[in-house]
Amino acid sequence: MDIKEKIESVVEKITKDPSIKEQFEKEPVKAIEKVLGVDLPDDVVEKVIEGVKAKLTVDTLSDVAGAIKKLF
């Protein structure tokens, strides 16, 4: 199982669907399993959750940085 691939898939779906994003914020394990359609072992789910949170944070920061650059 390629965890990086799973993270990318989840991030893509979360960014496109506000209801999944809301569920991810409240119940990340259930949201991940819903998006992937499988019940994963806890250690794998935790890695995916950490990766998704990191990716969403990086994407948000790059959006903010891009907006700031446009100001100058």
N, C-alpha and C. Protein backbone atom coordinates (compact mmCIF):
# COMPACT_ATOMS: atom_id res chain seq x y z
N MET A 1 0.85 -1.18 0.00
CA MET A 1 0.00 0.00 0.00
C MET A 1 0.89 1.24 0.00
N ASP A 2 0.63 2.13 -0.92
CA ASP A 2 1.39 3.36 -1.02
C ASP A 2 0.68 4.45 -0.22
N ILE A 3 1.21 4.76 0.94
CA ILE A 3 0.57 5.73 1.83
C ILE A 3 0.56 7.11 1.19
N LYS A 4 1.65 7.47 0.52
CA LYS A 4 1.72 8.78 -0.13
C LYS A 4 0.59 8.93 -1.16
N GLU A 5 0.34 7.90 -1.91
CA GLU A 5 -0.74 7.90 -2.91
C GLU A 5 -2.10 8.07 -2.22
N LYS A 6 -2.29 7.38 -1.11
CA LYS A 6 -3.54 7.48 -0.35
C LYS A 6 -3.72 8.91 0.18
N ILE A 7 -2.65 9.50 0.67
CA ILE A 7 -2.71 10.87 1.19
C ILE A 7 -3.13 11.83 0.09
N GLU A 8 -2.51 11.71 -1.07
CA GLU A 8 -2.85 12.58 -2.20
C GLU A 8 -4.32 12.43 -2.59
N SER A 9 -4.79 11.21 -2.60
CA SER A 9 -6.19 10.94 -2.95
C SER A 9 -7.14 11.58 -1.95
N VAL A 10 -6.84 11.43 -0.67
CA VAL A 10 -7.69 12.00 0.37
C VAL A 10 -7.67 13.52 0.32
N VAL A 11 -6.50 14.10 0.16
CA VAL A 11 -6.38 15.57 0.09
C VAL A 11 -7.20 16.10 -1.07
N GLU A 12 -7.11 15.45 -2.21
CA GLU A 12 -7.86 15.89 -3.39
C GLU A 12 -9.37 15.87 -3.10
N LYS A 13 -9.85 14.80 -2.50
CA LYS A 13 -11.28 14.69 -2.22
C LYS A 13 -11.73 15.67 -1.14
N ILE A 14 -10.89 15.88 -0.14
CA ILE A 14 -11.23 16.82 0.94
C ILE A 14 -11.31 18.24 0.40
N THR A 15 -10.40 18.62 -0.46
CA THR A 15 -10.40 19.98 -0.98
C THR A 15 -11.56 20.23 -1.94
N LYS A 16 -12.09 19.19 -2.52
CA LYS A 16 -13.20 19.34 -3.47
C LYS A 16 -14.58 19.20 -2.83
N ASP A 17 -14.65 18.59 -1.64
CA ASP A 17 -15.94 18.32 -1.02
C ASP A 17 -15.97 18.87 0.42
N PRO A 18 -16.66 20.00 0.61
CA PRO A 18 -16.71 20.62 1.95
C PRO A 18 -17.28 19.70 3.03
N SER A 19 -18.20 18.82 2.68
CA SER A 19 -18.77 17.93 3.71
C SER A 19 -17.74 16.93 4.20
N ILE A 20 -16.88 16.44 3.30
CA ILE A 20 -15.82 15.52 3.71
C ILE A 20 -14.78 16.28 4.53
N LYS A 21 -14.49 17.51 4.14
CA LYS A 21 -13.54 18.31 4.91
C LYS A 21 -14.05 18.53 6.33
N GLU A 22 -15.33 18.82 6.45
CA GLU A 22 -15.93 19.03 7.77
C GLU A 22 -15.85 17.74 8.60
N GLN A 23 -16.16 16.62 7.97
CA GLN A 23 -16.08 15.34 8.68
C GLN A 23 -14.64 15.04 9.08
N PHE A 24 -13.68 15.36 8.21
CA PHE A 24 -12.27 15.12 8.52
C PHE A 24 -11.85 15.92 9.74
N GLU A 25 -12.35 17.15 9.85
CA GLU A 25 -11.99 17.99 10.99
C GLU A 25 -12.58 17.43 12.29
N LYS A 26 -13.75 16.82 12.22
CA LYS A 26 -14.41 16.28 13.41
C LYS A 26 -14.01 14.84 13.72
N GLU A 27 -14.01 14.01 12.69
CA GLU A 27 -13.73 12.58 12.83
C GLU A 27 -12.78 12.13 11.72
N PRO A 28 -11.50 12.42 11.86
CA PRO A 28 -10.57 12.10 10.76
C PRO A 28 -10.52 10.63 10.36
N VAL A 29 -10.60 9.73 11.33
CA VAL A 29 -10.52 8.30 11.00
C VAL A 29 -11.70 7.89 10.13
N LYS A 30 -12.90 8.27 10.51
CA LYS A 30 -14.08 7.92 9.73
C LYS A 30 -14.04 8.55 8.35
N ALA A 31 -13.57 9.79 8.27
CA ALA A 31 -13.49 10.47 6.98
C ALA A 31 -12.50 9.77 6.06
N ILE A 32 -11.35 9.41 6.58
CA ILE A 32 -10.33 8.71 5.77
C ILE A 32 -10.89 7.39 5.26
N GLU A 33 -11.48 6.63 6.14
CA GLU A 33 -12.01 5.32 5.74
C GLU A 33 -13.16 5.47 4.75
N LYS A 34 -13.96 6.52 4.90
CA LYS A 34 -15.05 6.77 3.95
C LYS A 34 -14.49 7.10 2.57
N VAL A 35 -13.51 7.98 2.53
CA VAL A 35 -12.93 8.40 1.25
C VAL A 35 -12.23 7.23 0.56
N LEU A 36 -11.49 6.45 1.34
CA LEU A 36 -10.74 5.34 0.74
C LEU A 36 -11.60 4.10 0.53
N GLY A 37 -12.71 4.01 1.25
CA GLY A 37 -13.60 2.88 1.08
C GLY A 37 -13.13 1.60 1.71
N VAL A 38 -12.17 1.69 2.64
CA VAL A 38 -11.67 0.51 3.32
C VAL A 38 -11.43 0.81 4.79
N ASP A 39 -11.46 -0.24 5.58
CA ASP A 39 -11.13 -0.15 7.00
C ASP A 39 -9.64 -0.47 7.12
N LEU A 40 -8.87 0.54 7.48
CA LEU A 40 -7.42 0.37 7.54
C LEU A 40 -6.95 0.12 8.98
N PRO A 41 -5.79 -0.52 9.12
CA PRO A 41 -5.21 -0.68 10.46
C PRO A 41 -4.93 0.69 11.09
N ASP A 42 -5.02 0.77 12.40
CA ASP A 42 -4.87 2.05 13.09
C ASP A 42 -3.56 2.76 12.76
N ASP A 43 -2.46 2.01 12.69
CA ASP A 43 -1.17 2.67 12.42
C ASP A 43 -1.14 3.29 11.03
N VAL A 44 -1.79 2.67 10.07
CA VAL A 44 -1.84 3.21 8.71
C VAL A 44 -2.74 4.44 8.67
N VAL A 45 -3.88 4.35 9.34
CA VAL A 45 -4.81 5.48 9.37
C VAL A 45 -4.14 6.70 9.99
N GLU A 46 -3.41 6.49 11.08
CA GLU A 46 -2.74 7.61 11.75
C GLU A 46 -1.71 8.26 10.82
N LYS A 47 -0.97 7.46 10.07
CA LYS A 47 0.01 8.01 9.13
C LYS A 47 -0.69 8.81 8.04
N VAL A 48 -1.80 8.31 7.54
CA VAL A 48 -2.54 9.01 6.50
C VAL A 48 -3.10 10.32 7.05
N ILE A 49 -3.65 10.30 8.26
CA ILE A 49 -4.19 11.51 8.88
C ILE A 49 -3.10 12.56 9.04
N GLU A 50 -1.95 12.16 9.55
CA GLU A 50 -0.83 13.09 9.73
C GLU A 50 -0.40 13.67 8.39
N GLY A 51 -0.31 12.83 7.38
CA GLY A 51 0.08 13.29 6.06
C GLY A 51 -0.92 14.24 5.45
N VAL A 52 -2.20 13.94 5.61
CA VAL A 52 -3.25 14.81 5.06
C VAL A 52 -3.23 16.16 5.76
N LYS A 53 -3.12 16.16 7.07
CA LYS A 53 -3.07 17.42 7.82
C LYS A 53 -1.86 18.24 7.38
N ALA A 54 -0.71 17.61 7.23
CA ALA A 54 0.49 18.31 6.80
C ALA A 54 0.32 18.89 5.40
N LYS A 55 -0.23 18.10 4.50
CA LYS A 55 -0.43 18.54 3.11
C LYS A 55 -1.42 19.70 3.06
N LEU A 56 -2.50 19.62 3.81
CA LEU A 56 -3.48 20.70 3.83
C LEU A 56 -2.86 21.98 4.39
N THR A 57 -2.02 21.85 5.41
CA THR A 57 -1.35 23.01 6.00
C THR A 57 -0.39 23.64 5.00
N VAL A 58 0.39 22.82 4.32
CA VAL A 58 1.34 23.33 3.33
C VAL A 58 0.60 24.02 2.19
N ASP A 59 -0.48 23.41 1.71
CA ASP A 59 -1.26 24.01 0.63
C ASP A 59 -1.85 25.35 1.05
N THR A 60 -2.35 25.43 2.28
CA THR A 60 -2.93 26.66 2.79
C THR A 60 -1.86 27.73 2.91
N LEU A 61 -0.70 27.36 3.44
CA LEU A 61 0.39 28.32 3.58
C LEU A 61 0.88 28.82 2.23
N SER A 62 0.95 27.93 1.24
CA SER A 62 1.41 28.36 -0.08
C SER A 62 0.38 29.29 -0.73
N ASP A 63 -0.90 29.06 -0.47
CA ASP A 63 -1.94 29.96 -0.98
C ASP A 63 -1.80 31.34 -0.35
N VAL A 64 -1.54 31.38 0.96
CA VAL A 64 -1.36 32.65 1.66
C VAL A 64 -0.10 33.35 1.15
N ALA A 65 0.98 32.61 0.98
CA ALA A 65 2.21 33.20 0.48
C ALA A 65 2.01 33.76 -0.93
N GLY A 66 1.27 33.05 -1.76
CA GLY A 66 0.98 33.52 -3.10
C GLY A 66 0.16 34.79 -3.08
N ALA A 67 -0.78 34.87 -2.19
CA ALA A 67 -1.61 36.08 -2.07
C ALA A 67 -0.77 37.26 -1.59
N ILE A 68 0.15 37.00 -0.67
CA ILE A 68 1.01 38.08 -0.16
C ILE A 68 1.94 38.57 -1.26
N LYS A 69 2.49 37.66 -2.05
CA LYS A 69 3.38 38.06 -3.15
C LYS A 69 2.66 38.95 -4.14
N LYS A 70 1.38 38.70 -4.36
CA LYS A 70 0.62 39.51 -5.30
C LYS A 70 0.44 40.93 -4.80
N LEU A 71 0.48 41.11 -3.47
CA LEU A 71 0.34 42.44 -2.90
C LEU A 71 1.57 43.30 -3.18
N PHE A 72 2.71 42.66 -3.33
CA PHE A 72 3.96 43.39 -3.55
C PHE A 72 4.37 43.22 -4.96
